[in-house]
N, C-alpha and C. Protein backbone atom coordinates (compact mmCIF):
# COMPACT_ATOMS: atom_id res chain seq x y z
N MET A 1 -6.23 5.68 -8.47
CA MET A 1 -5.66 5.39 -8.17
C MET A 1 -6.17 4.89 -8.03
N VAL A 2 -15.47 -0.46 -16.07
CA VAL A 2 -16.54 -1.33 -15.62
C VAL A 2 -17.09 -2.11 -16.69
N ILE A 3 -16.92 -2.99 -16.01
CA ILE A 3 -17.22 -3.89 -17.10
C ILE A 3 -18.64 -4.46 -16.91
N SER A 4 -19.53 -4.46 -17.92
CA SER A 4 -20.87 -4.97 -17.77
C SER A 4 -21.10 -6.34 -18.44
N THR A 5 -20.40 -6.62 -19.53
CA THR A 5 -20.55 -7.86 -20.21
C THR A 5 -19.20 -8.32 -20.79
N LEU A 6 -19.12 -9.60 -21.14
CA LEU A 6 -17.92 -10.09 -21.78
C LEU A 6 -18.02 -9.87 -23.28
N THR A 7 -16.89 -9.42 -23.84
CA THR A 7 -16.87 -9.15 -25.26
C THR A 7 -15.64 -9.74 -25.82
N ASN A 8 -15.38 -9.58 -27.13
CA ASN A 8 -14.17 -10.05 -27.72
C ASN A 8 -13.06 -9.07 -27.65
N SER A 9 -13.28 -7.99 -27.07
CA SER A 9 -12.28 -6.96 -26.89
C SER A 9 -11.60 -7.06 -25.56
N VAL A 10 -10.48 -6.46 -25.35
CA VAL A 10 -9.84 -6.49 -24.07
C VAL A 10 -10.48 -5.56 -23.10
N SER A 11 -10.80 -6.04 -21.91
CA SER A 11 -11.36 -5.22 -20.92
C SER A 11 -10.43 -4.71 -19.92
N LYS A 12 -10.58 -3.57 -19.29
CA LYS A 12 -9.63 -3.06 -18.33
C LYS A 12 -9.97 -3.67 -16.95
N PRO A 13 -8.99 -3.73 -16.09
CA PRO A 13 -9.21 -4.30 -14.71
C PRO A 13 -10.23 -3.44 -14.00
N ASN A 14 -11.15 -4.17 -13.22
CA ASN A 14 -12.25 -3.52 -12.61
C ASN A 14 -11.83 -3.02 -11.19
N PHE A 15 -10.84 -2.21 -11.14
CA PHE A 15 -10.51 -1.56 -9.90
C PHE A 15 -9.78 -0.20 -10.24
N ILE A 16 -9.76 0.68 -9.24
CA ILE A 16 -9.11 1.92 -9.33
C ILE A 16 -8.15 2.12 -8.28
N LEU A 17 -6.92 2.57 -8.63
CA LEU A 17 -5.87 2.77 -7.63
C LEU A 17 -5.60 4.23 -7.54
N ASN A 18 -5.52 4.76 -6.37
CA ASN A 18 -5.37 6.19 -6.16
C ASN A 18 -3.96 6.57 -5.92
N GLN A 19 -3.26 7.24 -6.83
CA GLN A 19 -1.89 7.69 -6.51
C GLN A 19 -1.65 8.88 -7.47
N GLY A 20 -0.82 9.74 -7.04
CA GLY A 20 -0.34 10.80 -7.95
C GLY A 20 -0.67 12.14 -7.36
N LEU A 21 -0.26 13.17 -8.11
CA LEU A 21 -0.47 14.53 -7.64
C LEU A 21 -1.96 14.94 -7.68
N LYS A 22 -2.76 14.35 -8.59
CA LYS A 22 -4.16 14.78 -8.71
C LYS A 22 -5.03 13.46 -8.91
N PRO A 23 -4.96 12.63 -7.96
CA PRO A 23 -5.82 11.36 -8.14
C PRO A 23 -7.32 11.68 -8.05
N LYS A 24 -8.16 10.85 -8.60
CA LYS A 24 -9.55 11.14 -8.58
C LYS A 24 -10.15 10.42 -7.37
N PRO A 25 -10.90 11.21 -6.49
CA PRO A 25 -11.46 10.61 -5.33
C PRO A 25 -12.53 9.45 -5.68
N ILE A 26 -12.53 8.45 -4.87
CA ILE A 26 -13.46 7.40 -5.07
C ILE A 26 -14.11 7.01 -3.72
N SER A 27 -15.25 6.49 -3.75
CA SER A 27 -15.88 6.05 -2.49
C SER A 27 -15.56 4.69 -2.04
N SER A 28 -15.04 3.86 -2.95
CA SER A 28 -14.75 2.53 -2.53
C SER A 28 -13.50 1.98 -3.40
N LEU A 29 -12.85 0.95 -2.86
CA LEU A 29 -11.80 0.38 -3.64
C LEU A 29 -11.91 -1.18 -3.47
N THR A 30 -12.06 -1.85 -4.62
CA THR A 30 -12.32 -3.32 -4.55
C THR A 30 -11.10 -3.96 -3.95
N LEU A 31 -11.28 -4.86 -2.91
CA LEU A 31 -10.23 -5.47 -2.19
C LEU A 31 -9.68 -6.65 -2.94
N LYS A 32 -10.49 -7.30 -3.78
CA LYS A 32 -9.92 -8.42 -4.55
C LYS A 32 -10.29 -8.17 -6.10
N PRO A 33 -9.31 -7.32 -6.69
CA PRO A 33 -9.66 -6.98 -8.12
C PRO A 33 -9.68 -8.21 -8.96
N THR A 34 -10.54 -8.14 -9.94
CA THR A 34 -10.78 -9.28 -10.90
C THR A 34 -10.85 -8.77 -12.28
N ILE A 35 -10.25 -9.45 -13.21
CA ILE A 35 -10.21 -9.00 -14.65
C ILE A 35 -11.20 -9.92 -15.33
N TYR A 36 -12.15 -9.32 -16.03
CA TYR A 36 -13.05 -10.04 -16.87
C TYR A 36 -12.73 -9.77 -18.37
N CYS A 37 -12.35 -10.71 -19.09
CA CYS A 37 -12.06 -10.53 -20.51
C CYS A 37 -12.06 -11.83 -21.18
N SER A 38 -12.32 -11.83 -22.49
CA SER A 38 -12.23 -13.04 -23.26
C SER A 38 -10.84 -13.31 -23.80
N SER A 39 -10.56 -14.58 -23.93
CA SER A 39 -9.21 -15.04 -24.43
C SER A 39 -9.33 -15.11 -25.97
N ASP A 40 -8.60 -14.27 -26.71
CA ASP A 40 -8.64 -14.36 -28.11
C ASP A 40 -7.25 -14.48 -28.70
N SER A 41 -7.22 -14.67 -30.01
CA SER A 41 -5.93 -14.94 -30.72
C SER A 41 -5.02 -13.70 -30.70
N ASN A 42 -5.51 -12.54 -30.35
CA ASN A 42 -4.64 -11.36 -30.35
C ASN A 42 -3.98 -11.11 -28.98
N GLY A 43 -4.09 -12.08 -28.05
CA GLY A 43 -3.44 -11.87 -26.80
C GLY A 43 -4.07 -10.92 -25.88
N GLY A 44 -5.40 -10.80 -25.96
CA GLY A 44 -6.12 -9.88 -25.14
C GLY A 44 -6.05 -10.09 -23.70
N LEU A 45 -6.05 -11.42 -23.23
CA LEU A 45 -5.95 -11.77 -21.80
C LEU A 45 -4.59 -11.35 -21.31
N SER A 46 -3.54 -11.61 -21.99
CA SER A 46 -2.17 -11.25 -21.49
C SER A 46 -2.05 -9.77 -21.36
N GLN A 47 -2.63 -9.00 -22.31
CA GLN A 47 -2.53 -7.51 -22.26
C GLN A 47 -3.26 -7.03 -21.04
N ALA A 48 -4.45 -7.58 -20.81
CA ALA A 48 -5.22 -7.05 -19.61
C ALA A 48 -4.54 -7.37 -18.30
N ILE A 49 -3.91 -8.55 -18.21
CA ILE A 49 -3.19 -8.89 -16.98
C ILE A 49 -1.99 -7.99 -16.85
N THR A 50 -1.31 -7.69 -17.89
CA THR A 50 -0.22 -6.80 -17.77
C THR A 50 -0.56 -5.41 -17.22
N VAL A 51 -1.77 -4.90 -17.67
CA VAL A 51 -2.20 -3.67 -17.10
C VAL A 51 -2.43 -3.76 -15.58
N ALA A 52 -3.01 -4.89 -15.11
CA ALA A 52 -3.21 -5.05 -13.69
C ALA A 52 -1.85 -5.09 -12.94
N LYS A 53 -0.86 -5.75 -13.59
CA LYS A 53 0.49 -5.79 -12.96
C LYS A 53 1.01 -4.42 -12.75
N ARG A 54 0.96 -3.56 -13.81
CA ARG A 54 1.38 -2.17 -13.72
C ARG A 54 0.72 -1.44 -12.65
N GLU A 55 -0.57 -1.61 -12.42
CA GLU A 55 -1.36 -0.86 -11.41
C GLU A 55 -0.83 -1.23 -9.97
N VAL A 56 -0.66 -2.54 -9.73
CA VAL A 56 -0.24 -2.94 -8.47
C VAL A 56 1.19 -2.40 -8.10
N PHE A 57 2.10 -2.48 -9.05
CA PHE A 57 3.44 -1.98 -8.81
C PHE A 57 3.31 -0.40 -8.61
N THR A 58 2.52 0.21 -9.35
CA THR A 58 2.39 1.74 -9.20
C THR A 58 1.94 2.06 -7.83
N LEU A 59 0.94 1.41 -7.28
CA LEU A 59 0.41 1.82 -6.03
C LEU A 59 1.41 1.58 -4.91
N GLY A 60 2.14 0.45 -4.98
CA GLY A 60 3.05 0.23 -3.87
C GLY A 60 2.68 -0.98 -3.12
N LEU A 61 3.47 -2.11 -3.26
CA LEU A 61 3.08 -3.37 -2.69
C LEU A 61 2.99 -3.27 -1.13
N GLY A 62 3.82 -2.48 -0.46
CA GLY A 62 3.87 -2.42 0.96
C GLY A 62 2.74 -1.68 1.63
N ILE A 63 1.78 -1.25 0.83
CA ILE A 63 0.62 -0.48 1.40
C ILE A 63 -0.68 -1.23 1.37
N LEU A 64 -0.87 -2.04 0.29
CA LEU A 64 -2.11 -2.73 0.06
C LEU A 64 -2.45 -3.68 1.16
N THR A 65 -3.79 -3.94 1.30
CA THR A 65 -4.21 -5.04 2.20
C THR A 65 -3.81 -6.36 1.60
N SER A 66 -3.81 -7.46 2.44
CA SER A 66 -3.40 -8.73 1.93
C SER A 66 -4.34 -9.21 0.85
N ALA A 67 -5.60 -8.87 0.91
CA ALA A 67 -6.58 -9.33 -0.06
C ALA A 67 -6.29 -8.81 -1.46
N MET A 68 -5.77 -7.55 -1.54
CA MET A 68 -5.38 -6.96 -2.81
C MET A 68 -4.14 -7.54 -3.34
N VAL A 69 -3.07 -7.75 -2.46
CA VAL A 69 -1.86 -8.25 -2.89
C VAL A 69 -1.98 -9.64 -3.36
N ILE A 70 -2.70 -10.52 -2.63
CA ILE A 70 -2.82 -11.90 -3.00
C ILE A 70 -3.81 -12.07 -4.17
N GLY A 71 -4.84 -11.29 -4.17
CA GLY A 71 -5.93 -11.46 -5.15
C GLY A 71 -5.66 -10.91 -6.51
N ALA A 72 -4.74 -9.96 -6.59
CA ALA A 72 -4.44 -9.35 -7.88
C ALA A 72 -3.91 -10.31 -8.89
N PRO A 73 -4.48 -10.48 -10.04
CA PRO A 73 -4.02 -11.45 -11.06
C PRO A 73 -2.86 -10.91 -11.84
N LEU A 74 -1.73 -11.43 -11.63
CA LEU A 74 -0.49 -10.88 -12.14
C LEU A 74 0.13 -12.01 -13.03
N GLU A 75 1.07 -11.60 -13.93
CA GLU A 75 1.72 -12.54 -14.84
C GLU A 75 2.63 -13.43 -14.05
N ALA A 76 2.86 -14.66 -14.40
CA ALA A 76 3.63 -15.56 -13.67
C ALA A 76 5.14 -15.15 -13.81
N ASN A 77 5.52 -14.41 -14.83
CA ASN A 77 6.82 -14.06 -15.05
C ASN A 77 7.13 -12.61 -14.64
N ALA A 78 6.31 -12.04 -13.90
CA ALA A 78 6.49 -10.66 -13.36
C ALA A 78 7.75 -10.64 -12.55
N THR A 79 8.45 -9.57 -12.67
CA THR A 79 9.75 -9.47 -11.91
C THR A 79 9.58 -9.09 -10.41
N ARG A 80 10.55 -9.46 -9.62
CA ARG A 80 10.48 -9.01 -8.23
C ARG A 80 10.68 -7.52 -8.06
N ILE A 81 10.12 -7.01 -6.98
CA ILE A 81 10.31 -5.55 -6.67
C ILE A 81 11.70 -5.26 -6.55
N GLU A 82 12.20 -4.14 -7.14
CA GLU A 82 13.64 -3.78 -7.01
C GLU A 82 13.90 -3.35 -5.50
N TYR A 83 15.05 -3.86 -5.03
CA TYR A 83 15.51 -3.48 -3.78
C TYR A 83 16.55 -2.33 -3.89
N TYR A 84 16.45 -1.40 -3.02
CA TYR A 84 17.33 -0.18 -3.18
C TYR A 84 17.54 0.40 -1.80
N ALA A 85 18.49 1.27 -1.66
CA ALA A 85 18.83 1.95 -0.41
C ALA A 85 18.24 3.35 -0.39
N THR A 86 17.69 3.71 0.72
CA THR A 86 17.26 5.12 0.94
C THR A 86 17.70 5.50 2.26
N VAL A 87 17.67 6.80 2.55
CA VAL A 87 18.07 7.37 3.79
C VAL A 87 16.86 7.35 4.69
N GLY A 88 16.95 6.65 5.85
CA GLY A 88 15.83 6.56 6.80
C GLY A 88 15.69 7.74 7.69
N GLU A 89 14.45 7.88 8.41
CA GLU A 89 14.28 8.89 9.37
C GLU A 89 15.22 8.77 10.50
N PRO A 90 15.48 9.79 11.29
CA PRO A 90 16.36 9.70 12.44
C PRO A 90 15.66 8.69 13.39
N PRO A 91 16.46 8.05 14.23
CA PRO A 91 15.88 7.03 15.14
C PRO A 91 15.10 7.69 16.22
N CYS A 92 14.12 7.00 16.72
CA CYS A 92 13.30 7.51 17.88
C CYS A 92 12.92 6.25 18.73
N GLU A 93 12.60 6.47 20.00
CA GLU A 93 12.28 5.42 20.87
C GLU A 93 10.81 4.99 20.71
N LEU A 94 10.59 3.69 20.34
CA LEU A 94 9.20 3.23 20.01
C LEU A 94 8.39 3.06 21.29
N ASN A 95 7.10 3.50 21.19
CA ASN A 95 6.17 3.09 22.12
C ASN A 95 5.31 1.92 21.52
N TYR A 96 4.53 1.15 22.32
CA TYR A 96 3.88 0.01 21.81
C TYR A 96 2.43 0.09 22.29
N ALA A 97 1.57 -0.09 21.30
CA ALA A 97 0.12 -0.17 21.56
C ALA A 97 -0.25 -1.70 22.00
N LYS A 98 -1.41 -1.81 22.50
CA LYS A 98 -1.83 -3.14 22.92
C LYS A 98 -1.87 -4.08 21.73
N SER A 99 -2.16 -3.56 20.60
CA SER A 99 -2.10 -4.38 19.41
C SER A 99 -0.72 -4.93 19.00
N GLY A 100 0.25 -4.31 19.61
CA GLY A 100 1.59 -4.80 19.17
C GLY A 100 2.32 -3.81 18.26
N LEU A 101 1.60 -2.79 17.83
CA LEU A 101 2.14 -1.73 16.92
C LEU A 101 3.22 -0.85 17.65
N GLY A 102 4.32 -0.80 17.08
CA GLY A 102 5.38 0.10 17.60
C GLY A 102 5.33 1.42 16.84
N TYR A 103 5.44 2.52 17.57
CA TYR A 103 5.31 3.89 16.94
C TYR A 103 6.08 4.97 17.66
N CYS A 104 6.59 5.90 16.96
CA CYS A 104 7.18 7.11 17.57
C CYS A 104 7.20 8.18 16.60
N ASP A 105 7.06 9.47 17.08
CA ASP A 105 6.97 10.56 16.21
C ASP A 105 8.36 11.27 16.05
N VAL A 106 8.88 11.32 14.89
CA VAL A 106 10.17 12.00 14.52
C VAL A 106 9.83 13.50 14.55
N SER A 107 8.68 13.85 14.05
CA SER A 107 8.17 15.26 14.03
C SER A 107 6.67 15.26 14.20
N PRO A 108 6.14 15.97 15.21
CA PRO A 108 4.74 15.85 15.54
C PRO A 108 3.75 16.42 14.53
N GLY A 109 4.18 17.26 13.61
CA GLY A 109 3.24 17.86 12.71
C GLY A 109 2.62 19.16 13.21
N PHE A 110 1.85 19.86 12.37
CA PHE A 110 1.39 21.13 12.70
C PHE A 110 -0.03 21.47 12.20
N GLY A 111 -0.60 20.49 11.53
CA GLY A 111 -1.93 20.70 10.90
C GLY A 111 -2.97 19.83 11.47
N ASP A 112 -4.04 19.56 10.69
CA ASP A 112 -5.22 18.76 11.06
C ASP A 112 -4.77 17.31 11.27
N ASN A 113 -5.49 16.59 12.07
CA ASN A 113 -5.24 15.20 12.23
C ASN A 113 -5.82 14.44 11.00
N ALA A 114 -5.29 13.28 10.83
CA ALA A 114 -5.74 12.36 9.70
C ALA A 114 -7.20 11.99 9.85
N PRO A 115 -8.03 12.45 8.93
CA PRO A 115 -9.44 12.17 9.10
C PRO A 115 -9.79 10.69 8.60
N LEU A 116 -10.44 9.93 9.42
CA LEU A 116 -10.79 8.57 9.06
C LEU A 116 -11.78 8.57 7.97
N GLY A 117 -11.53 7.73 6.97
CA GLY A 117 -12.51 7.59 5.88
C GLY A 117 -12.23 8.59 4.72
N GLU A 118 -11.30 9.49 4.90
CA GLU A 118 -10.97 10.53 3.91
C GLU A 118 -9.72 10.16 3.17
N LEU A 119 -9.50 10.79 1.98
CA LEU A 119 -8.26 10.60 1.28
C LEU A 119 -7.14 11.46 1.82
N ILE A 120 -5.96 10.87 1.94
CA ILE A 120 -4.88 11.69 2.47
C ILE A 120 -3.69 11.40 1.54
N ASN A 121 -2.71 12.31 1.57
CA ASN A 121 -1.44 12.14 0.83
C ASN A 121 -0.29 11.87 1.75
N ILE A 122 0.48 10.79 1.48
CA ILE A 122 1.57 10.51 2.33
C ILE A 122 2.85 10.16 1.45
N HIS A 123 4.03 10.38 2.01
CA HIS A 123 5.23 9.77 1.39
C HIS A 123 5.59 8.74 2.45
N TYR A 124 6.22 7.63 1.99
CA TYR A 124 6.62 6.52 2.91
C TYR A 124 7.79 5.75 2.30
N THR A 125 8.47 5.09 3.27
CA THR A 125 9.50 4.13 2.84
C THR A 125 9.19 2.89 3.79
N ALA A 126 9.14 1.75 3.12
CA ALA A 126 8.83 0.44 3.83
C ALA A 126 10.09 -0.47 3.84
N ARG A 127 10.35 -0.99 4.99
CA ARG A 127 11.55 -1.88 5.08
C ARG A 127 11.17 -3.18 5.90
N PHE A 128 12.00 -4.16 5.61
CA PHE A 128 11.90 -5.39 6.45
C PHE A 128 12.67 -5.09 7.79
N ALA A 129 12.58 -6.03 8.73
CA ALA A 129 13.21 -5.86 10.03
C ALA A 129 14.69 -5.67 9.91
N ASP A 130 15.32 -6.18 8.90
CA ASP A 130 16.79 -6.05 8.80
C ASP A 130 17.27 -4.74 8.13
N GLY A 131 16.24 -3.90 7.80
CA GLY A 131 16.49 -2.62 7.20
C GLY A 131 16.49 -2.56 5.71
N THR A 132 16.20 -3.71 5.08
CA THR A 132 16.13 -3.73 3.59
C THR A 132 14.84 -3.03 3.12
N VAL A 133 15.00 -2.08 2.26
CA VAL A 133 13.90 -1.36 1.69
C VAL A 133 13.19 -2.25 0.61
N PHE A 134 11.87 -2.36 0.60
CA PHE A 134 11.16 -3.03 -0.36
C PHE A 134 10.13 -2.24 -1.06
N ASP A 135 9.82 -1.10 -0.64
CA ASP A 135 8.80 -0.25 -1.26
C ASP A 135 9.01 1.23 -0.78
N SER A 136 8.81 2.17 -1.70
CA SER A 136 9.01 3.63 -1.25
C SER A 136 8.29 4.51 -2.23
N SER A 137 7.52 5.41 -1.84
CA SER A 137 6.93 6.44 -2.72
C SER A 137 7.96 7.36 -3.24
N TYR A 138 9.10 7.54 -2.48
CA TYR A 138 10.17 8.46 -2.89
C TYR A 138 10.83 7.89 -4.16
N LYS A 139 10.91 6.47 -4.25
CA LYS A 139 11.46 5.88 -5.41
C LYS A 139 10.67 6.19 -6.67
N ARG A 140 9.36 6.34 -6.53
CA ARG A 140 8.48 6.59 -7.65
C ARG A 140 8.35 8.09 -7.92
N GLY A 141 8.83 8.91 -7.01
CA GLY A 141 8.87 10.34 -7.16
C GLY A 141 7.54 10.99 -6.96
N ARG A 142 6.59 10.30 -6.37
CA ARG A 142 5.24 10.84 -6.15
C ARG A 142 4.66 10.39 -4.79
N TYR A 143 3.99 11.26 -4.10
CA TYR A 143 3.38 10.78 -2.92
C TYR A 143 2.17 9.92 -3.22
N LEU A 144 1.72 9.14 -2.23
CA LEU A 144 0.66 8.25 -2.43
C LEU A 144 -0.65 8.85 -1.87
N THR A 145 -1.78 8.75 -2.58
CA THR A 145 -3.05 9.16 -2.08
C THR A 145 -3.84 7.94 -1.74
N MET A 146 -4.31 7.85 -0.48
CA MET A 146 -5.04 6.64 -0.05
C MET A 146 -6.14 7.01 0.98
N ARG A 147 -7.05 6.16 1.21
CA ARG A 147 -8.18 6.39 2.11
C ARG A 147 -7.79 5.65 3.44
N ILE A 148 -7.80 6.38 4.53
CA ILE A 148 -7.35 5.81 5.84
C ILE A 148 -8.53 5.44 6.65
N GLY A 149 -8.32 4.33 7.49
CA GLY A 149 -9.32 3.98 8.52
C GLY A 149 -10.48 3.24 8.03
N VAL A 150 -10.42 2.72 6.78
CA VAL A 150 -11.60 1.86 6.30
C VAL A 150 -11.13 0.57 5.75
N GLY A 151 -10.01 0.06 6.12
CA GLY A 151 -9.57 -1.22 5.71
C GLY A 151 -8.99 -1.36 4.31
N LYS A 152 -8.60 -0.21 3.70
CA LYS A 152 -8.05 -0.33 2.39
C LYS A 152 -6.51 -0.54 2.37
N VAL A 153 -5.89 -0.31 3.56
CA VAL A 153 -4.43 -0.56 3.65
C VAL A 153 -4.31 -1.55 4.79
N ILE A 154 -3.10 -2.04 5.05
CA ILE A 154 -2.91 -2.94 6.15
C ILE A 154 -3.24 -2.29 7.43
N LYS A 155 -3.60 -3.14 8.46
CA LYS A 155 -4.17 -2.65 9.73
C LYS A 155 -3.18 -1.76 10.42
N GLY A 156 -1.85 -2.09 10.36
CA GLY A 156 -0.90 -1.30 11.09
C GLY A 156 -0.78 0.11 10.64
N LEU A 157 -1.05 0.28 9.27
CA LEU A 157 -1.08 1.62 8.80
C LEU A 157 -2.32 2.38 9.15
N ASP A 158 -3.45 1.71 9.09
CA ASP A 158 -4.71 2.36 9.55
C ASP A 158 -4.54 2.90 11.02
N GLN A 159 -4.02 2.05 11.90
CA GLN A 159 -3.88 2.42 13.26
C GLN A 159 -2.70 3.46 13.45
N GLY A 160 -1.63 3.18 12.76
CA GLY A 160 -0.43 4.04 12.89
C GLY A 160 -0.59 5.44 12.37
N ILE A 161 -1.48 5.65 11.37
CA ILE A 161 -1.66 6.94 10.80
C ILE A 161 -2.99 7.51 11.39
N GLY A 162 -4.04 6.80 11.38
CA GLY A 162 -5.37 7.28 11.86
C GLY A 162 -5.58 7.32 13.30
N GLY A 163 -4.72 6.54 14.05
CA GLY A 163 -4.87 6.46 15.49
C GLY A 163 -5.73 5.35 15.95
N GLY A 164 -5.80 5.16 17.30
CA GLY A 164 -6.66 4.10 17.91
C GLY A 164 -5.87 3.32 18.90
N GLU A 165 -6.59 2.82 19.96
CA GLU A 165 -5.95 2.01 21.02
C GLU A 165 -4.75 2.69 21.72
N GLY A 166 -4.93 4.00 21.95
CA GLY A 166 -3.90 4.73 22.60
C GLY A 166 -2.92 5.46 21.64
N VAL A 167 -2.98 5.17 20.39
CA VAL A 167 -2.09 5.79 19.33
C VAL A 167 -2.87 7.08 18.86
N ALA A 168 -2.12 8.18 19.03
CA ALA A 168 -2.75 9.42 18.54
C ALA A 168 -2.70 9.45 17.01
N PRO A 169 -3.69 10.06 16.36
CA PRO A 169 -3.67 10.28 14.92
C PRO A 169 -2.55 11.20 14.51
N MET A 170 -1.94 10.87 13.34
CA MET A 170 -0.91 11.79 12.84
C MET A 170 -1.57 13.08 12.41
N ALA A 171 -0.73 14.17 12.55
CA ALA A 171 -1.17 15.49 12.05
C ALA A 171 -0.42 15.81 10.79
N VAL A 172 -1.07 16.68 10.00
CA VAL A 172 -0.46 17.09 8.74
C VAL A 172 0.96 17.70 9.04
N GLY A 173 1.95 17.29 8.19
CA GLY A 173 3.25 17.72 8.41
C GLY A 173 4.15 16.80 9.37
N GLY A 174 3.36 15.87 9.99
CA GLY A 174 4.08 14.98 10.91
C GLY A 174 4.81 13.85 10.21
N ARG A 175 5.84 13.44 10.85
CA ARG A 175 6.66 12.20 10.41
C ARG A 175 6.67 11.25 11.54
N ARG A 176 6.28 9.99 11.19
CA ARG A 176 6.19 8.90 12.30
C ARG A 176 6.86 7.68 11.75
N LYS A 177 7.48 6.96 12.69
CA LYS A 177 8.14 5.70 12.44
C LYS A 177 7.17 4.61 12.98
N LEU A 178 6.95 3.59 12.24
CA LEU A 178 6.03 2.50 12.67
C LEU A 178 6.75 1.18 12.51
N GLN A 179 6.52 0.39 13.53
CA GLN A 179 7.07 -1.06 13.42
C GLN A 179 5.77 -1.97 13.53
N ILE A 180 5.48 -2.54 12.43
CA ILE A 180 4.23 -3.35 12.34
C ILE A 180 4.45 -4.78 12.38
N PRO A 181 3.88 -5.47 13.38
CA PRO A 181 3.99 -6.91 13.52
C PRO A 181 3.20 -7.70 12.51
N PRO A 182 3.45 -8.93 12.25
CA PRO A 182 2.78 -9.72 11.22
C PRO A 182 1.26 -9.62 11.29
N ALA A 183 0.72 -9.74 12.48
CA ALA A 183 -0.67 -9.68 12.72
C ALA A 183 -1.39 -8.44 12.17
N LEU A 184 -0.62 -7.36 12.12
CA LEU A 184 -1.17 -6.09 11.57
C LEU A 184 -0.64 -5.80 10.15
N ALA A 185 0.07 -6.72 9.58
CA ALA A 185 0.60 -6.59 8.25
C ALA A 185 0.04 -7.67 7.38
N TYR A 186 0.74 -8.62 6.94
CA TYR A 186 0.34 -9.63 6.08
C TYR A 186 0.20 -11.13 6.64
N GLY A 187 0.51 -11.20 8.03
CA GLY A 187 0.21 -12.40 8.65
C GLY A 187 1.14 -13.60 8.31
N PRO A 188 0.56 -14.81 8.43
CA PRO A 188 1.32 -16.03 8.31
C PRO A 188 1.58 -16.43 6.80
N GLU A 189 0.95 -15.77 5.87
CA GLU A 189 1.12 -16.13 4.52
C GLU A 189 2.13 -15.10 3.81
N PRO A 190 2.87 -15.58 2.89
CA PRO A 190 3.74 -14.64 2.15
C PRO A 190 2.86 -13.76 1.19
N ALA A 191 3.37 -12.66 0.81
CA ALA A 191 2.53 -11.77 -0.05
C ALA A 191 3.37 -11.29 -1.27
N GLY A 192 2.68 -10.83 -2.25
CA GLY A 192 3.31 -10.33 -3.43
C GLY A 192 4.19 -11.37 -4.17
N CYS A 193 3.53 -12.50 -4.38
CA CYS A 193 4.16 -13.69 -4.94
C CYS A 193 4.02 -13.71 -6.51
N PHE A 194 5.10 -13.55 -7.23
CA PHE A 194 5.07 -13.57 -8.63
C PHE A 194 6.08 -14.60 -9.18
N GLY A 195 5.66 -15.43 -10.07
CA GLY A 195 6.58 -16.36 -10.75
C GLY A 195 7.24 -17.29 -9.75
N GLY A 196 6.59 -17.64 -8.68
CA GLY A 196 7.11 -18.57 -7.67
C GLY A 196 7.98 -17.93 -6.63
N GLU A 197 8.15 -16.62 -6.64
CA GLU A 197 8.91 -15.92 -5.66
C GLU A 197 8.03 -14.89 -5.00
N CYS A 198 8.26 -14.67 -3.67
CA CYS A 198 7.46 -13.78 -2.89
C CYS A 198 8.26 -12.64 -2.35
N ASN A 199 7.75 -11.43 -2.53
CA ASN A 199 8.44 -10.20 -2.10
C ASN A 199 8.35 -10.00 -0.69
N ILE A 200 7.25 -10.37 0.00
CA ILE A 200 7.12 -10.22 1.45
C ILE A 200 6.93 -11.63 2.02
N PRO A 201 7.92 -12.09 2.83
CA PRO A 201 7.81 -13.36 3.37
C PRO A 201 6.71 -13.53 4.48
N ALA A 202 6.39 -14.75 4.80
CA ALA A 202 5.42 -15.03 5.83
C ALA A 202 5.94 -14.48 7.14
N ASN A 203 4.94 -14.09 8.00
CA ASN A 203 5.22 -13.59 9.38
C ASN A 203 6.30 -12.48 9.41
N ALA A 204 6.28 -11.59 8.43
CA ALA A 204 7.29 -10.51 8.39
C ALA A 204 6.88 -9.34 9.23
N THR A 205 7.83 -8.84 10.06
CA THR A 205 7.68 -7.56 10.74
C THR A 205 8.12 -6.48 9.76
N LEU A 206 7.36 -5.46 9.59
CA LEU A 206 7.66 -4.42 8.66
C LEU A 206 7.79 -3.06 9.37
N THR A 207 8.75 -2.22 8.94
CA THR A 207 8.87 -0.88 9.47
C THR A 207 8.62 0.18 8.47
N TYR A 208 7.99 1.25 8.79
CA TYR A 208 7.63 2.34 7.87
C TYR A 208 8.03 3.68 8.45
N ASP A 209 8.61 4.48 7.48
CA ASP A 209 8.78 5.90 7.77
C ASP A 209 7.65 6.62 7.01
N ILE A 210 6.75 7.29 7.80
CA ILE A 210 5.63 7.88 7.21
C ILE A 210 5.73 9.50 7.29
N ASN A 211 5.51 10.12 6.22
CA ASN A 211 5.44 11.57 6.14
C ASN A 211 4.05 12.02 5.72
N PHE A 212 3.23 12.55 6.59
CA PHE A 212 1.87 12.94 6.30
C PHE A 212 1.86 14.28 5.61
N VAL A 213 1.82 14.20 4.27
CA VAL A 213 1.82 15.40 3.40
C VAL A 213 0.64 16.30 3.62
N GLY A 214 -0.55 15.74 3.57
CA GLY A 214 -1.76 16.56 3.76
C GLY A 214 -2.95 15.82 3.44
N VAL A 215 -4.15 16.38 3.68
CA VAL A 215 -5.45 15.83 3.39
C VAL A 215 -5.72 16.14 1.91
N TYR A 216 -6.21 15.23 1.16
CA TYR A 216 -6.56 15.44 -0.27
C TYR A 216 -7.71 16.43 -0.43
N LYS A 217 -7.55 17.38 -1.30
CA LYS A 217 -8.59 18.32 -1.57
C LYS A 217 -8.76 18.52 -3.13
């Protein structure tokens, strides 16, 4: 969820995305994925870029750091993310950390806390402030495996799941609602821009329903 030299064949994107029931653990994830390949008459460049596009959509746009969302080389005619309705978690009263992160536990959980630097499995639904869903692991039918606390996801998720600044880390089995301000999400620049349209507007406040499924083993 490697390329050594340029050749006349199509090269695969030089990054790994962790998702699925049995993702392969990795020690690092490139924040600005780059594709190295030669342009030939067989459309090799277009094919390699299409692979990168599929990888970004598979991982989930609402989870990536801004460096990955903005840096990923995608086709200009890539389609916008599908908007769809899902059932949200029950409402709860938000607490606010000094960072501006809003959070509350729908269910406190029963297992180990989220270990910083380790791979964990989560289900999530991401919405804009008006309630519009723009990303969800439930839509893809698989939970997401990601490394928490090392800057691989947006800051609000690192803090909201792994804890910090008065926010307790989530426990396995826990369900938490997060309200993430722009400074802890994608900031003043729009994100996920394909073909002249952006899926996440500038200065967007994002809300997440997080279900901490378990620690990857």
